[in-house]
């Protein structure tokens, strides 16, 4: 499983680059990441952003500052996906928070095709916004047509990014779209008739995860 080392290195470099470019509050921790179904182990110094709720908010925030916690949640998510019996052709992660769960999920279910969609909602320094996210990049139709796609993110908050990704996929003639998240916030969901097919925890806490660099 040595191929996982450069892949993981690219993932961490992606997070570092966006943490620096956004100029938001960061701190650095050293994480020893062991993949659940291999012997690959990577030590890395990773800056992660603690983007907290607005100052006038009374919302509790649930910090996930270590990758071990995120890993455990993703393993539980993988068990649910496997139990469904659905074989997905493509795992599509929502950058940047969905990238780490997608990486582990693909490893857990022995899945090889993982793509990424990029959205932008928050400007530098913002903690909340009513604006819909903008699609910055999205896979091509040739990569998705007639495929069964699993959309992956770390949290369904309002649901805007995931719903926009779902709508874009429908225009690309995919065969199936399902959504998987670690956390689902029913109280903030803007789409009462929609919810993720796979989820690990329901919460109303403000999630601060190591992959949620914005």
N, C-alpha and C. Protein backbone atom coordinates (compact mmCIF):
# COMPACT_ATOMS: atom_id res chain seq x y z
N UNK A 1 0.82 -1.21 0.00
CA UNK A 1 0.00 0.00 0.00
C UNK A 1 0.86 1.27 0.00
N UNK A 2 2.09 1.16 -0.51
CA UNK A 2 2.95 2.33 -0.51
C UNK A 2 2.42 3.46 -1.39
N UNK A 3 1.53 3.12 -2.34
CA UNK A 3 0.98 4.17 -3.20
C UNK A 3 0.16 5.18 -2.40
N UNK A 4 -0.26 4.81 -1.18
CA UNK A 4 -1.06 5.72 -0.37
C UNK A 4 -0.24 6.88 0.17
N UNK A 5 1.07 6.69 0.31
CA UNK A 5 1.91 7.74 0.89
C UNK A 5 1.92 9.00 0.03
N UNK A 6 2.25 8.91 -1.28
CA UNK A 6 2.20 10.15 -2.07
C UNK A 6 0.80 10.71 -2.19
N UNK A 7 -0.22 9.84 -2.24
CA UNK A 7 -1.60 10.31 -2.33
C UNK A 7 -1.96 11.12 -1.10
N UNK A 8 -1.60 10.59 0.08
CA UNK A 8 -1.90 11.30 1.32
C UNK A 8 -1.10 12.59 1.42
N UNK A 9 0.15 12.55 0.94
CA UNK A 9 0.96 13.76 0.95
C UNK A 9 0.34 14.86 0.12
N UNK A 10 -0.22 14.50 -1.04
CA UNK A 10 -0.89 15.49 -1.88
C UNK A 10 -2.11 16.07 -1.18
N UNK A 11 -2.83 15.21 -0.45
CA UNK A 11 -4.02 15.68 0.27
C UNK A 11 -3.63 16.71 1.32
N UNK A 12 -2.59 16.41 2.11
CA UNK A 12 -2.19 17.33 3.16
C UNK A 12 -1.63 18.63 2.56
N UNK A 13 -0.91 18.53 1.44
CA UNK A 13 -0.38 19.72 0.81
C UNK A 13 -1.52 20.61 0.30
N UNK A 14 -2.59 19.98 -0.17
CA UNK A 14 -3.77 20.72 -0.63
C UNK A 14 -4.36 21.53 0.52
N UNK A 15 -4.45 20.92 1.70
CA UNK A 15 -4.99 21.61 2.87
C UNK A 15 -4.07 22.75 3.30
N UNK A 16 -2.76 22.49 3.33
CA UNK A 16 -1.81 23.55 3.73
C UNK A 16 -1.94 24.77 2.80
N UNK A 17 -2.02 24.50 1.49
CA UNK A 17 -2.04 25.59 0.53
C UNK A 17 -3.26 26.48 0.72
N UNK A 18 -4.42 25.86 0.94
CA UNK A 18 -5.63 26.65 1.13
C UNK A 18 -5.64 27.34 2.49
N UNK A 19 -5.04 26.73 3.50
CA UNK A 19 -4.99 27.37 4.82
C UNK A 19 -4.18 28.65 4.74
N UNK A 20 -3.07 28.59 4.03
CA UNK A 20 -2.22 29.77 3.91
C UNK A 20 -2.89 30.83 3.04
N UNK A 21 -3.48 30.41 1.91
CA UNK A 21 -4.05 31.38 0.98
C UNK A 21 -5.26 32.10 1.55
N UNK A 22 -6.00 31.44 2.44
CA UNK A 22 -7.18 32.06 3.01
C UNK A 22 -6.84 33.02 4.15
N UNK A 23 -5.66 32.85 4.76
CA UNK A 23 -5.25 33.76 5.80
C UNK A 23 -6.12 33.70 7.04
N UNK A 24 -6.81 32.58 7.26
CA UNK A 24 -7.68 32.46 8.41
C UNK A 24 -6.92 31.87 9.60
N UNK A 25 -7.61 31.87 10.74
CA UNK A 25 -6.96 31.43 11.98
C UNK A 25 -6.58 29.96 11.88
N UNK A 26 -5.28 29.67 12.08
CA UNK A 26 -4.84 28.28 11.99
C UNK A 26 -3.96 27.93 13.18
N UNK A 27 -3.89 26.65 13.44
CA UNK A 27 -2.87 26.14 14.35
C UNK A 27 -2.40 24.81 13.82
N UNK A 28 -1.26 24.34 14.28
CA UNK A 28 -0.64 23.18 13.67
C UNK A 28 -0.56 22.03 14.66
N UNK A 29 -0.87 20.84 14.18
CA UNK A 29 -0.73 19.64 14.98
C UNK A 29 -0.04 18.57 14.18
N UNK A 30 0.59 17.63 14.85
CA UNK A 30 1.24 16.52 14.17
C UNK A 30 0.35 15.30 14.32
N UNK A 31 -0.03 14.71 13.20
CA UNK A 31 -0.95 13.59 13.21
C UNK A 31 -0.25 12.36 12.65
N UNK A 32 -0.47 11.23 13.31
CA UNK A 32 0.02 9.96 12.80
C UNK A 32 -1.20 9.22 12.27
N UNK A 33 -1.30 9.15 10.96
CA UNK A 33 -2.48 8.61 10.31
C UNK A 33 -2.21 7.19 9.85
N UNK A 34 -2.97 6.24 10.37
CA UNK A 34 -2.89 4.85 9.94
C UNK A 34 -4.16 4.50 9.20
N UNK A 35 -4.05 4.05 7.96
CA UNK A 35 -5.23 3.69 7.21
C UNK A 35 -5.82 2.40 7.77
N UNK A 36 -7.16 2.32 7.86
CA UNK A 36 -7.80 1.22 8.56
C UNK A 36 -7.62 -0.14 7.92
N UNK A 37 -7.35 -0.19 6.62
CA UNK A 37 -7.27 -1.48 5.96
C UNK A 37 -5.92 -1.68 5.27
N UNK A 38 -4.90 -1.04 5.80
CA UNK A 38 -3.57 -1.24 5.24
C UNK A 38 -2.55 -0.96 6.33
N UNK A 39 -1.28 -1.17 6.00
CA UNK A 39 -0.20 -0.91 6.94
C UNK A 39 0.40 0.48 6.76
N UNK A 40 -0.13 1.22 5.80
CA UNK A 40 0.43 2.55 5.53
C UNK A 40 0.21 3.48 6.71
N UNK A 41 1.25 4.18 7.12
CA UNK A 41 1.17 5.11 8.22
C UNK A 41 1.93 6.37 7.84
N UNK A 42 1.32 7.50 8.04
CA UNK A 42 1.92 8.77 7.63
C UNK A 42 1.91 9.73 8.80
N UNK A 43 3.05 10.35 9.08
CA UNK A 43 3.12 11.40 10.08
C UNK A 43 3.20 12.73 9.35
N UNK A 44 2.39 13.68 9.76
CA UNK A 44 2.38 14.96 9.06
C UNK A 44 2.11 16.10 10.03
N UNK A 45 2.68 17.25 9.73
CA UNK A 45 2.38 18.47 10.47
C UNK A 45 1.33 19.22 9.68
N UNK A 46 0.12 19.31 10.22
CA UNK A 46 -1.03 19.80 9.46
C UNK A 46 -1.65 21.03 10.09
N UNK A 47 -1.64 22.17 9.40
CA UNK A 47 -2.37 23.33 9.90
C UNK A 47 -3.86 23.16 9.60
N UNK A 48 -4.69 23.40 10.59
CA UNK A 48 -6.11 23.30 10.33
C UNK A 48 -6.81 24.52 10.90
N UNK A 49 -7.90 24.90 10.27
CA UNK A 49 -8.60 26.13 10.60
C UNK A 49 -9.71 25.85 11.58
N UNK A 50 -9.79 26.66 12.62
CA UNK A 50 -10.91 26.56 13.55
C UNK A 50 -11.87 27.69 13.24
N UNK A 51 -12.70 27.49 12.20
CA UNK A 51 -13.66 28.51 11.81
C UNK A 51 -14.87 28.39 12.73
N UNK A 52 -14.99 29.31 13.68
CA UNK A 52 -16.00 29.23 14.72
C UNK A 52 -17.28 29.93 14.31
N UNK A 53 -18.39 29.70 15.03
CA UNK A 53 -19.64 30.39 14.72
C UNK A 53 -19.48 31.90 14.89
N UNK A 54 -20.41 32.71 14.34
CA UNK A 54 -20.34 34.16 14.54
C UNK A 54 -20.28 34.51 16.02
N UNK A 55 -19.62 35.62 16.33
CA UNK A 55 -19.38 35.99 17.72
C UNK A 55 -20.67 36.16 18.52
N UNK A 56 -21.75 36.58 17.85
CA UNK A 56 -23.01 36.80 18.56
C UNK A 56 -23.87 35.54 18.60
N UNK A 57 -23.30 34.41 18.20
CA UNK A 57 -24.06 33.16 18.15
C UNK A 57 -23.89 32.38 19.44
N UNK A 58 -24.96 31.71 19.86
CA UNK A 58 -24.90 30.84 21.04
C UNK A 58 -24.78 29.37 20.66
N UNK A 59 -24.51 29.11 19.39
CA UNK A 59 -24.41 27.74 18.90
C UNK A 59 -23.19 27.06 19.49
N UNK A 60 -23.39 25.85 19.99
CA UNK A 60 -22.25 25.07 20.46
C UNK A 60 -21.42 24.63 19.26
N UNK A 61 -20.11 24.48 19.46
CA UNK A 61 -19.31 23.93 18.37
C UNK A 61 -18.62 22.66 18.84
N UNK A 62 -18.65 21.68 17.97
CA UNK A 62 -18.07 20.37 18.24
C UNK A 62 -16.78 20.25 17.46
N UNK A 63 -15.66 20.30 18.14
CA UNK A 63 -14.38 20.26 17.46
C UNK A 63 -13.96 18.84 17.16
N UNK A 64 -13.46 18.63 15.95
CA UNK A 64 -12.87 17.35 15.57
C UNK A 64 -11.42 17.61 15.16
N UNK A 65 -10.57 18.06 16.12
CA UNK A 65 -9.24 18.53 15.75
C UNK A 65 -8.26 17.42 15.42
N UNK A 66 -8.62 16.15 15.62
CA UNK A 66 -7.69 15.10 15.28
C UNK A 66 -8.29 14.20 14.22
N UNK A 67 -7.42 13.71 13.35
CA UNK A 67 -7.87 12.88 12.24
C UNK A 67 -8.38 11.53 12.73
N UNK A 68 -7.96 11.12 13.93
CA UNK A 68 -8.44 9.84 14.46
C UNK A 68 -9.94 9.81 14.64
N UNK A 69 -10.51 10.91 15.13
CA UNK A 69 -11.96 11.00 15.32
C UNK A 69 -12.68 10.96 13.97
N UNK A 70 -12.15 11.71 13.02
CA UNK A 70 -12.73 11.71 11.67
C UNK A 70 -12.63 10.32 11.05
N UNK A 71 -11.54 9.66 11.28
CA UNK A 71 -11.33 8.30 10.74
C UNK A 71 -12.37 7.34 11.30
N UNK A 72 -12.63 7.40 12.61
CA UNK A 72 -13.60 6.50 13.23
C UNK A 72 -15.00 6.71 12.67
N UNK A 73 -15.37 7.98 12.48
CA UNK A 73 -16.68 8.28 11.91
C UNK A 73 -16.77 7.76 10.48
N UNK A 74 -15.67 7.89 9.71
CA UNK A 74 -15.68 7.45 8.33
C UNK A 74 -15.79 5.93 8.24
N UNK A 75 -15.15 5.22 9.16
CA UNK A 75 -15.27 3.76 9.18
C UNK A 75 -16.72 3.35 9.43
N UNK A 76 -17.40 4.05 10.34
CA UNK A 76 -18.82 3.77 10.58
C UNK A 76 -19.64 4.06 9.33
N UNK A 77 -19.30 5.13 8.62
CA UNK A 77 -19.99 5.47 7.39
C UNK A 77 -19.77 4.38 6.34
N UNK A 78 -18.55 3.89 6.25
CA UNK A 78 -18.22 2.84 5.29
C UNK A 78 -19.03 1.57 5.56
N UNK A 79 -19.21 1.24 6.82
CA UNK A 79 -20.00 0.06 7.16
C UNK A 79 -21.43 0.19 6.67
N UNK A 80 -21.98 1.39 6.79
CA UNK A 80 -23.35 1.64 6.32
C UNK A 80 -23.44 1.54 4.80
N UNK A 81 -22.46 2.11 4.11
CA UNK A 81 -22.45 2.06 2.64
C UNK A 81 -22.33 0.62 2.17
N UNK A 82 -21.44 -0.15 2.77
CA UNK A 82 -21.28 -1.54 2.36
C UNK A 82 -22.53 -2.36 2.63
N UNK A 83 -23.18 -2.08 3.76
CA UNK A 83 -24.39 -2.83 4.12
C UNK A 83 -25.54 -2.58 3.15
N UNK A 84 -25.51 -1.44 2.45
CA UNK A 84 -26.59 -1.12 1.51
C UNK A 84 -26.57 -2.03 0.29
N UNK A 85 -25.40 -2.57 -0.02
CA UNK A 85 -25.27 -3.43 -1.19
C UNK A 85 -25.14 -2.71 -2.51
N UNK A 86 -25.20 -1.37 -2.50
CA UNK A 86 -25.08 -0.59 -3.73
C UNK A 86 -23.60 -0.48 -4.12
N UNK A 87 -23.30 -0.76 -5.36
CA UNK A 87 -21.94 -0.65 -5.87
C UNK A 87 -21.82 0.66 -6.67
N UNK A 88 -21.08 1.60 -6.13
CA UNK A 88 -20.93 2.89 -6.78
C UNK A 88 -19.73 2.88 -7.72
N UNK A 89 -19.89 3.54 -8.86
CA UNK A 89 -18.80 3.63 -9.83
C UNK A 89 -17.85 4.77 -9.52
N UNK A 90 -18.40 5.86 -8.94
CA UNK A 90 -17.60 7.06 -8.67
C UNK A 90 -17.92 7.58 -7.28
N UNK A 91 -16.87 7.90 -6.52
CA UNK A 91 -17.01 8.66 -5.29
C UNK A 91 -16.65 10.10 -5.62
N UNK A 92 -17.59 11.01 -5.39
CA UNK A 92 -17.36 12.43 -5.69
C UNK A 92 -17.35 13.21 -4.40
N UNK A 93 -16.18 13.69 -4.00
CA UNK A 93 -16.05 14.44 -2.75
C UNK A 93 -16.26 15.92 -2.99
N UNK A 94 -16.83 16.59 -1.99
CA UNK A 94 -16.98 18.05 -2.01
C UNK A 94 -15.79 18.65 -1.27
N UNK A 95 -14.95 19.36 -2.03
CA UNK A 95 -13.76 19.95 -1.41
C UNK A 95 -14.16 21.17 -0.58
N UNK A 96 -13.47 21.33 0.57
CA UNK A 96 -12.34 20.51 0.93
C UNK A 96 -12.68 19.53 2.05
N UNK A 97 -13.78 19.79 2.74
CA UNK A 97 -14.12 18.96 3.89
C UNK A 97 -14.40 17.52 3.56
N UNK A 98 -14.91 17.24 2.35
CA UNK A 98 -15.26 15.87 2.01
C UNK A 98 -14.10 15.04 1.50
N UNK A 99 -12.93 15.66 1.31
CA UNK A 99 -11.82 14.94 0.70
C UNK A 99 -11.25 13.85 1.59
N UNK A 100 -11.07 14.15 2.87
CA UNK A 100 -10.50 13.14 3.76
C UNK A 100 -11.48 11.98 3.98
N UNK A 101 -12.78 12.23 4.27
CA UNK A 101 -13.71 11.10 4.37
C UNK A 101 -13.77 10.28 3.08
N UNK A 102 -13.74 10.94 1.92
CA UNK A 102 -13.80 10.21 0.65
C UNK A 102 -12.57 9.32 0.47
N UNK A 103 -11.41 9.84 0.86
CA UNK A 103 -10.17 9.07 0.75
C UNK A 103 -10.24 7.81 1.59
N UNK A 104 -10.68 7.94 2.84
CA UNK A 104 -10.78 6.77 3.71
C UNK A 104 -11.91 5.85 3.28
N UNK A 105 -13.02 6.42 2.84
CA UNK A 105 -14.16 5.61 2.42
C UNK A 105 -13.80 4.75 1.22
N UNK A 106 -13.09 5.34 0.26
CA UNK A 106 -12.65 4.59 -0.90
C UNK A 106 -11.74 3.44 -0.50
N UNK A 107 -10.88 3.69 0.48
CA UNK A 107 -9.99 2.65 0.99
C UNK A 107 -10.79 1.55 1.68
N UNK A 108 -11.78 1.93 2.44
CA UNK A 108 -12.54 0.97 3.25
C UNK A 108 -13.38 0.04 2.39
N UNK A 109 -13.94 0.55 1.30
CA UNK A 109 -14.81 -0.29 0.47
C UNK A 109 -14.10 -0.75 -0.80
N UNK A 110 -12.78 -0.55 -0.85
CA UNK A 110 -11.96 -1.00 -1.97
C UNK A 110 -12.46 -0.41 -3.28
N UNK A 111 -12.56 0.91 -3.29
CA UNK A 111 -13.09 1.64 -4.45
C UNK A 111 -11.99 2.51 -5.04
N UNK A 112 -11.85 2.51 -6.37
CA UNK A 112 -10.71 3.16 -6.97
C UNK A 112 -10.93 4.51 -7.61
N UNK A 113 -12.18 4.86 -8.02
CA UNK A 113 -12.41 6.09 -8.76
C UNK A 113 -12.98 7.15 -7.83
N UNK A 114 -12.15 8.13 -7.45
CA UNK A 114 -12.57 9.21 -6.56
C UNK A 114 -12.28 10.54 -7.22
N UNK A 115 -13.32 11.35 -7.40
CA UNK A 115 -13.20 12.66 -8.04
C UNK A 115 -13.56 13.75 -7.03
N UNK A 116 -13.31 15.00 -7.40
CA UNK A 116 -13.54 16.11 -6.48
C UNK A 116 -14.25 17.26 -7.19
N UNK A 117 -15.22 17.85 -6.51
CA UNK A 117 -15.89 19.07 -6.97
C UNK A 117 -15.54 20.19 -6.00
N UNK A 118 -15.31 21.39 -6.54
CA UNK A 118 -14.92 22.53 -5.71
C UNK A 118 -16.00 23.61 -5.74
N UNK A 119 -16.40 24.05 -4.55
CA UNK A 119 -17.37 25.12 -4.41
C UNK A 119 -16.76 26.24 -3.58
N UNK A 120 -17.31 27.45 -3.72
CA UNK A 120 -16.88 28.56 -2.87
C UNK A 120 -18.11 29.29 -2.37
N UNK A 121 -18.20 29.41 -1.06
CA UNK A 121 -19.32 30.15 -0.48
C UNK A 121 -18.83 31.32 0.36
N UNK A 122 -17.84 31.07 1.22
CA UNK A 122 -17.39 32.08 2.17
C UNK A 122 -16.22 32.86 1.61
N UNK A 123 -16.30 34.15 1.75
CA UNK A 123 -15.14 34.98 1.46
C UNK A 123 -14.20 34.94 2.67
N UNK A 124 -12.96 35.36 2.47
CA UNK A 124 -11.98 35.33 3.55
C UNK A 124 -12.48 36.10 4.77
N UNK A 125 -12.45 35.41 5.92
CA UNK A 125 -12.87 36.05 7.17
C UNK A 125 -14.33 35.86 7.50
N UNK A 126 -15.16 35.39 6.54
CA UNK A 126 -16.57 35.19 6.81
C UNK A 126 -16.79 33.89 7.58
N UNK A 127 -17.82 33.87 8.41
CA UNK A 127 -18.20 32.66 9.12
C UNK A 127 -19.58 32.18 8.73
N UNK A 128 -20.34 33.00 8.00
CA UNK A 128 -21.68 32.60 7.57
C UNK A 128 -22.06 33.41 6.35
N UNK A 129 -22.95 32.86 5.54
CA UNK A 129 -23.38 33.56 4.34
C UNK A 129 -24.70 32.98 3.87
N UNK A 130 -25.61 33.86 3.41
CA UNK A 130 -26.88 33.42 2.86
C UNK A 130 -26.75 33.10 1.37
N UNK A 131 -25.65 33.50 0.77
CA UNK A 131 -25.47 33.28 -0.67
C UNK A 131 -25.28 31.80 -0.97
N UNK A 132 -25.76 31.39 -2.14
CA UNK A 132 -25.53 30.03 -2.58
C UNK A 132 -24.08 29.88 -3.02
N UNK A 133 -23.50 28.72 -2.79
CA UNK A 133 -22.11 28.52 -3.20
C UNK A 133 -21.95 28.52 -4.71
N UNK A 134 -20.78 28.95 -5.17
CA UNK A 134 -20.46 28.95 -6.59
C UNK A 134 -19.64 27.70 -6.92
N UNK A 135 -19.92 27.07 -8.04
CA UNK A 135 -19.13 25.93 -8.49
C UNK A 135 -17.86 26.46 -9.14
N UNK A 136 -16.71 26.07 -8.59
CA UNK A 136 -15.43 26.49 -9.16
C UNK A 136 -14.91 25.47 -10.16
N UNK A 137 -15.09 24.19 -9.85
CA UNK A 137 -14.69 23.15 -10.80
C UNK A 137 -15.54 21.91 -10.54
N UNK A 138 -15.76 21.13 -11.61
CA UNK A 138 -16.62 19.96 -11.51
C UNK A 138 -16.15 18.95 -12.56
N UNK A 139 -16.21 17.66 -12.24
CA UNK A 139 -15.78 16.65 -13.22
C UNK A 139 -16.58 16.72 -14.52
N UNK A 140 -15.99 16.22 -15.60
CA UNK A 140 -16.62 16.25 -16.91
C UNK A 140 -17.66 15.15 -17.07
N UNK A 141 -18.54 15.36 -18.04
CA UNK A 141 -19.58 14.36 -18.30
C UNK A 141 -18.97 13.01 -18.67
N UNK A 142 -17.86 13.02 -19.37
CA UNK A 142 -17.23 11.77 -19.78
C UNK A 142 -16.82 10.91 -18.58
N UNK A 143 -16.58 11.56 -17.42
CA UNK A 143 -16.19 10.82 -16.22
C UNK A 143 -17.40 10.32 -15.43
N UNK A 144 -18.60 10.84 -15.76
CA UNK A 144 -19.76 10.59 -14.90
C UNK A 144 -20.97 9.97 -15.61
N UNK A 145 -21.10 10.13 -16.90
CA UNK A 145 -22.29 9.66 -17.60
C UNK A 145 -22.50 8.17 -17.40
N UNK A 146 -23.75 7.79 -17.09
CA UNK A 146 -24.16 6.40 -16.88
C UNK A 146 -23.45 5.74 -15.70
N UNK A 147 -22.95 6.54 -14.79
CA UNK A 147 -22.28 6.00 -13.60
C UNK A 147 -23.16 6.17 -12.36
N UNK A 148 -22.94 5.31 -11.39
CA UNK A 148 -23.58 5.45 -10.08
C UNK A 148 -22.63 6.23 -9.19
N UNK A 149 -23.10 7.37 -8.72
CA UNK A 149 -22.22 8.33 -8.03
C UNK A 149 -22.62 8.46 -6.57
N UNK A 150 -21.62 8.42 -5.69
CA UNK A 150 -21.82 8.71 -4.27
C UNK A 150 -21.17 10.04 -3.96
N UNK A 151 -21.99 11.05 -3.60
CA UNK A 151 -21.50 12.36 -3.18
C UNK A 151 -21.09 12.29 -1.72
N UNK A 152 -19.93 12.84 -1.38
CA UNK A 152 -19.40 12.71 -0.02
C UNK A 152 -18.97 14.07 0.50
N UNK A 153 -19.43 14.42 1.70
CA UNK A 153 -18.98 15.62 2.39
C UNK A 153 -18.92 15.32 3.89
N UNK A 154 -18.24 16.20 4.64
CA UNK A 154 -18.13 15.95 6.08
C UNK A 154 -19.40 16.33 6.82
N UNK A 155 -20.16 17.31 6.29
CA UNK A 155 -21.37 17.74 7.00
C UNK A 155 -22.41 18.25 6.00
N UNK A 156 -23.65 17.87 6.22
CA UNK A 156 -24.79 18.49 5.54
C UNK A 156 -25.30 19.54 6.50
N UNK A 157 -24.98 20.80 6.22
CA UNK A 157 -25.42 21.91 7.06
C UNK A 157 -26.73 22.44 6.49
N UNK A 158 -26.68 23.43 5.63
CA UNK A 158 -27.88 23.86 4.91
C UNK A 158 -28.18 22.92 3.75
N UNK A 159 -27.15 22.29 3.25
CA UNK A 159 -27.33 21.35 2.16
C UNK A 159 -27.10 21.94 0.78
N UNK A 160 -26.74 23.23 0.71
CA UNK A 160 -26.66 23.90 -0.58
C UNK A 160 -25.64 23.28 -1.53
N UNK A 161 -24.42 23.04 -1.05
CA UNK A 161 -23.38 22.50 -1.93
C UNK A 161 -23.75 21.12 -2.45
N UNK A 162 -24.26 20.28 -1.56
CA UNK A 162 -24.61 18.92 -1.96
C UNK A 162 -25.79 18.91 -2.93
N UNK A 163 -26.78 19.75 -2.69
CA UNK A 163 -27.92 19.81 -3.60
C UNK A 163 -27.51 20.36 -4.95
N UNK A 164 -26.65 21.40 -4.96
CA UNK A 164 -26.16 21.93 -6.23
C UNK A 164 -25.35 20.89 -7.00
N UNK A 165 -24.54 20.12 -6.26
CA UNK A 165 -23.77 19.06 -6.91
C UNK A 165 -24.71 18.00 -7.49
N UNK A 166 -25.74 17.65 -6.73
CA UNK A 166 -26.73 16.67 -7.19
C UNK A 166 -27.40 17.18 -8.47
N UNK A 167 -27.82 18.44 -8.48
CA UNK A 167 -28.48 19.01 -9.66
C UNK A 167 -27.54 19.02 -10.87
N UNK A 168 -26.29 19.36 -10.65
CA UNK A 168 -25.33 19.35 -11.76
C UNK A 168 -25.16 17.91 -12.30
N UNK A 169 -25.10 16.95 -11.41
CA UNK A 169 -24.95 15.56 -11.84
C UNK A 169 -26.12 15.10 -12.70
N UNK A 170 -27.32 15.56 -12.36
CA UNK A 170 -28.50 15.15 -13.14
C UNK A 170 -28.41 15.63 -14.58
N UNK A 171 -27.73 16.74 -14.81
CA UNK A 171 -27.58 17.25 -16.18
C UNK A 171 -26.51 16.48 -16.95
N UNK A 172 -25.73 15.67 -16.24
CA UNK A 172 -24.63 14.93 -16.87
C UNK A 172 -24.99 13.47 -17.13
N UNK A 173 -26.28 13.16 -17.01
CA UNK A 173 -26.81 11.84 -17.37
C UNK A 173 -26.21 10.71 -16.55
N UNK A 174 -26.06 10.96 -15.24
CA UNK A 174 -25.61 9.89 -14.37
C UNK A 174 -26.75 8.89 -14.16
N UNK A 175 -26.40 7.69 -13.76
CA UNK A 175 -27.39 6.65 -13.54
C UNK A 175 -28.04 6.76 -12.17
N UNK A 176 -27.25 7.17 -11.16
CA UNK A 176 -27.74 7.22 -9.78
C UNK A 176 -26.88 8.21 -8.99
N UNK A 177 -27.52 8.96 -8.09
CA UNK A 177 -26.79 9.83 -7.16
C UNK A 177 -27.30 9.58 -5.75
N UNK A 178 -26.41 9.23 -4.84
CA UNK A 178 -26.71 9.16 -3.42
C UNK A 178 -25.73 10.06 -2.67
N UNK A 179 -26.08 10.42 -1.44
CA UNK A 179 -25.26 11.35 -0.66
C UNK A 179 -24.87 10.71 0.67
N UNK A 180 -23.61 10.86 1.04
CA UNK A 180 -23.09 10.34 2.30
C UNK A 180 -22.36 11.45 3.05
N UNK A 181 -22.65 11.60 4.35
CA UNK A 181 -21.99 12.61 5.18
C UNK A 181 -21.68 12.03 6.55
N UNK A 182 -20.74 12.66 7.23
CA UNK A 182 -20.47 12.27 8.62
C UNK A 182 -21.50 12.87 9.56
N UNK A 183 -21.89 14.13 9.32
CA UNK A 183 -22.84 14.83 10.19
C UNK A 183 -23.98 15.43 9.37
N UNK A 184 -25.18 15.35 9.91
CA UNK A 184 -26.36 15.94 9.28
C UNK A 184 -27.03 16.86 10.29
N UNK A 185 -27.34 18.11 9.84
CA UNK A 185 -27.99 19.08 10.71
C UNK A 185 -29.43 19.31 10.25
N UNK A 186 -30.38 18.56 10.76
CA UNK A 186 -31.77 18.71 10.30
C UNK A 186 -32.35 20.08 10.59
N UNK A 187 -31.89 20.74 11.66
CA UNK A 187 -32.44 22.04 12.02
C UNK A 187 -32.02 23.16 11.09
N UNK A 188 -30.93 23.01 10.36
CA UNK A 188 -30.45 24.03 9.44
C UNK A 188 -30.68 23.66 7.97
N UNK A 189 -31.19 22.48 7.73
CA UNK A 189 -31.40 21.99 6.37
C UNK A 189 -32.42 22.85 5.62
N UNK A 190 -32.03 23.38 4.47
CA UNK A 190 -32.91 24.22 3.65
C UNK A 190 -33.85 23.40 2.76
N UNK A 191 -33.66 22.11 2.73
CA UNK A 191 -34.39 21.26 1.78
C UNK A 191 -35.12 20.17 2.57
N UNK A 192 -36.31 20.50 3.09
CA UNK A 192 -37.02 19.58 3.99
C UNK A 192 -37.37 18.24 3.37
N UNK A 193 -37.45 18.17 2.05
CA UNK A 193 -37.76 16.90 1.39
C UNK A 193 -36.51 16.09 1.05
N UNK A 194 -35.34 16.62 1.40
CA UNK A 194 -34.09 15.95 1.09
C UNK A 194 -33.28 15.74 2.35
N UNK A 195 -32.55 14.65 2.38
CA UNK A 195 -31.61 14.34 3.44
C UNK A 195 -30.62 13.32 2.88
N UNK A 196 -29.45 13.18 3.50
CA UNK A 196 -28.47 12.22 2.98
C UNK A 196 -28.95 10.78 3.15
N UNK A 197 -28.61 9.94 2.20
CA UNK A 197 -28.95 8.52 2.32
C UNK A 197 -28.13 7.87 3.42
N UNK A 198 -26.87 8.26 3.52
CA UNK A 198 -25.97 7.70 4.53
C UNK A 198 -25.48 8.83 5.44
N UNK A 199 -25.56 8.62 6.74
CA UNK A 199 -25.01 9.58 7.69
C UNK A 199 -24.59 8.84 8.95
N UNK A 200 -23.71 9.47 9.71
CA UNK A 200 -23.23 8.85 10.95
C UNK A 200 -23.91 9.47 12.16
N UNK A 201 -23.95 10.81 12.22
CA UNK A 201 -24.51 11.48 13.38
C UNK A 201 -25.41 12.65 12.96
N UNK A 202 -26.51 12.83 13.68
CA UNK A 202 -27.31 14.04 13.57
C UNK A 202 -26.93 14.98 14.70
N UNK A 203 -26.77 16.25 14.39
CA UNK A 203 -26.33 17.23 15.39
C UNK A 203 -26.79 18.61 14.96
N UNK A 204 -26.83 19.54 15.90
CA UNK A 204 -27.03 20.95 15.58
C UNK A 204 -25.79 21.74 15.96
N UNK A 205 -24.72 21.05 16.39
CA UNK A 205 -23.47 21.72 16.75
C UNK A 205 -22.79 22.27 15.50
N UNK A 206 -21.98 23.29 15.70
CA UNK A 206 -21.13 23.83 14.65
C UNK A 206 -19.90 22.92 14.57
N UNK A 207 -19.73 22.23 13.45
CA UNK A 207 -18.67 21.25 13.33
C UNK A 207 -17.37 21.92 12.89
N UNK A 208 -16.33 21.69 13.64
CA UNK A 208 -14.98 22.19 13.29
C UNK A 208 -14.12 20.95 13.05
N UNK A 209 -13.95 20.58 11.80
CA UNK A 209 -13.23 19.35 11.49
C UNK A 209 -11.89 19.65 10.84
N UNK A 210 -10.95 18.70 10.88
CA UNK A 210 -9.62 18.95 10.33
C UNK A 210 -9.64 19.12 8.82
N UNK A 211 -10.69 18.66 8.15
CA UNK A 211 -10.75 18.83 6.70
C UNK A 211 -11.48 20.08 6.29
N UNK A 212 -12.13 20.76 7.24
CA UNK A 212 -12.99 21.91 6.88
C UNK A 212 -12.19 23.19 6.84
N UNK A 213 -11.25 23.26 5.91
CA UNK A 213 -10.42 24.45 5.76
C UNK A 213 -11.09 25.37 4.75
N UNK A 214 -11.54 26.55 5.21
CA UNK A 214 -12.23 27.47 4.30
C UNK A 214 -11.64 28.87 4.48
